[in-house]
PDB file of N, CA and C in Angstrom:
ATOM      1  N   MET A   1     -34.865 -36.993 -54.541  1.00  0.00           N
ATOM      2  CA  MET A   1     -34.480 -35.711 -55.101  1.00  0.00           C
ATOM      3  C   MET A   1     -34.860 -34.579 -54.044  1.00  0.00           C
ATOM      4  N   ALA A   2     -36.055 -34.653 -53.661  1.00  0.00           N
ATOM      5  CA  ALA A   2     -36.509 -33.607 -52.665  1.00  0.00           C
ATOM      6  C   ALA A   2     -35.676 -33.663 -51.393  1.00  0.00           C
ATOM      7  N   ARG A   3     -35.329 -34.886 -50.974  1.00  0.00           N
ATOM      8  CA  ARG A   3     -34.563 -35.011 -49.759  1.00  0.00           C
ATOM      9  C   ARG A   3     -33.230 -34.366 -49.938  1.00  0.00           C
ATOM     10  N   LYS A   4     -32.517 -34.688 -51.019  1.00  0.00           N
ATOM     11  CA  LYS A   4     -31.200 -34.101 -51.245  1.00  0.00           C
ATOM     12  C   LYS A   4     -31.247 -32.623 -51.334  1.00  0.00           C
ATOM     13  N   ARG A   5     -32.312 -32.128 -51.982  1.00  0.00           N
ATOM     14  CA  ARG A   5     -32.406 -30.663 -52.142  1.00  0.00           C
ATOM     15  C   ARG A   5     -32.700 -30.045 -50.759  1.00  0.00           C
ATOM     16  N   SER A   6     -33.479 -30.733 -49.927  1.00  0.00           N
ATOM     17  CA  SER A   6     -33.782 -30.186 -48.608  1.00  0.00           C
ATOM     18  C   SER A   6     -32.513 -30.057 -47.791  1.00  0.00           C
ATOM     19  N   THR A   7     -31.651 -31.063 -47.922  1.00  0.00           N
ATOM     20  CA  THR A   7     -30.364 -31.029 -47.107  1.00  0.00           C
ATOM     21  C   THR A   7     -29.553 -29.831 -47.566  1.00  0.00           C
ATOM     22  N   THR A   8     -29.439 -29.658 -48.853  1.00  0.00           N
ATOM     23  CA  THR A   8     -28.642 -28.476 -49.409  1.00  0.00           C
ATOM     24  C   THR A   8     -29.257 -27.201 -48.876  1.00  0.00           C
ATOM     25  N   THR A   9     -30.511 -27.043 -48.959  1.00  0.00           N
ATOM     26  CA  THR A   9     -31.164 -25.835 -48.516  1.00  0.00           C
ATOM     27  C   THR A   9     -30.999 -25.627 -46.989  1.00  0.00           C
ATOM     28  N   GLN A  10     -31.031 -26.771 -46.265  1.00  0.00           N
ATOM     29  CA  GLN A  10     -30.887 -26.672 -44.844  1.00  0.00           C
ATOM     30  C   GLN A  10     -29.536 -26.094 -44.467  1.00  0.00           C
ATOM     31  N   LEU A  11     -28.552 -26.497 -45.161  1.00  0.00           N
ATOM     32  CA  LEU A  11     -27.195 -26.003 -44.878  1.00  0.00           C
ATOM     33  C   LEU A  11     -27.101 -24.550 -45.170  1.00  0.00           C
ATOM     34  N   LEU A  12     -27.732 -24.112 -46.232  1.00  0.00           N
ATOM     35  CA  LEU A  12     -27.684 -22.689 -46.619  1.00  0.00           C
ATOM     36  C   LEU A  12     -28.579 -21.841 -45.698  1.00  0.00           C
ATOM     37  N   GLN A  13     -29.825 -22.332 -45.458  1.00  0.00           N
ATOM     38  CA  GLN A  13     -30.745 -21.648 -44.604  1.00  0.00           C
ATOM     39  C   GLN A  13     -31.532 -22.640 -43.749  1.00  0.00           C
ATOM     40  N   PRO A  14     -31.012 -22.944 -42.590  1.00  0.00           N
ATOM     41  CA  PRO A  14     -31.658 -23.921 -41.725  1.00  0.00           C
ATOM     42  C   PRO A  14     -33.060 -23.375 -41.280  1.00  0.00           C
ATOM     43  N   THR A  15     -34.123 -24.000 -41.793  1.00  0.00           N
ATOM     44  CA  THR A  15     -35.465 -23.563 -41.404  1.00  0.00           C
ATOM     45  C   THR A  15     -36.251 -24.789 -40.873  1.00  0.00           C
ATOM     46  N   PRO A  16     -37.182 -24.492 -40.005  1.00  0.00           N
ATOM     47  CA  PRO A  16     -38.022 -25.566 -39.454  1.00  0.00           C
ATOM     48  C   PRO A  16     -38.805 -26.317 -40.526  1.00  0.00           C
ATOM     49  N   GLU A  17     -39.266 -25.661 -41.507  1.00  0.00           N
ATOM     50  CA  GLU A  17     -39.987 -26.347 -42.604  1.00  0.00           C
ATOM     51  C   GLU A  17     -39.114 -27.341 -43.342  1.00  0.00           C
ATOM     52  N   LEU A  18     -37.883 -26.952 -43.620  1.00  0.00           N
ATOM     53  CA  LEU A  18     -36.939 -27.901 -44.346  1.00  0.00           C
ATOM     54  C   LEU A  18     -36.635 -29.063 -43.468  1.00  0.00           C
ATOM     55  N   THR A  19     -36.424 -28.801 -42.193  1.00  0.00           N
ATOM     56  CA  THR A  19     -35.999 -29.891 -41.251  1.00  0.00           C
ATOM     57  C   THR A  19     -37.176 -30.873 -41.169  1.00  0.00           C
ATOM     58  N   ARG A  20     -38.398 -30.333 -41.106  1.00  0.00           N
ATOM     59  CA  ARG A  20     -39.578 -31.190 -40.973  1.00  0.00           C
ATOM     60  C   ARG A  20     -39.679 -32.073 -42.217  1.00  0.00           C
ATOM     61  N   GLN A  21     -39.528 -31.561 -43.366  1.00  0.00           N
ATOM     62  CA  GLN A  21     -39.611 -32.378 -44.612  1.00  0.00           C
ATOM     63  C   GLN A  21     -38.567 -33.422 -44.590  1.00  0.00           C
ATOM     64  N   ASP A  22     -37.368 -33.100 -44.150  1.00  0.00           N
ATOM     65  CA  ASP A  22     -36.297 -34.119 -44.152  1.00  0.00           C
ATOM     66  C   ASP A  22     -36.663 -35.277 -43.232  1.00  0.00           C
ATOM     67  N   VAL A  23     -37.184 -34.943 -42.117  1.00  0.00           N
ATOM     68  CA  VAL A  23     -37.560 -36.024 -41.173  1.00  0.00           C
ATOM     69  C   VAL A  23     -38.652 -36.886 -41.680  1.00  0.00           C
ATOM     70  N   GLU A  24     -39.612 -36.251 -42.293  1.00  0.00           N
ATOM     71  CA  GLU A  24     -40.764 -36.991 -42.897  1.00  0.00           C
ATOM     72  C   GLU A  24     -40.246 -37.741 -44.112  1.00  0.00           C
TER      73      GLU A  24
END
């Protein structure tokens, strides 16, 4: 769930924090 949400947020607002969570 968190991963899917992170991807959606990344598309809307690409931030280093979101990208880091996705990678982890």
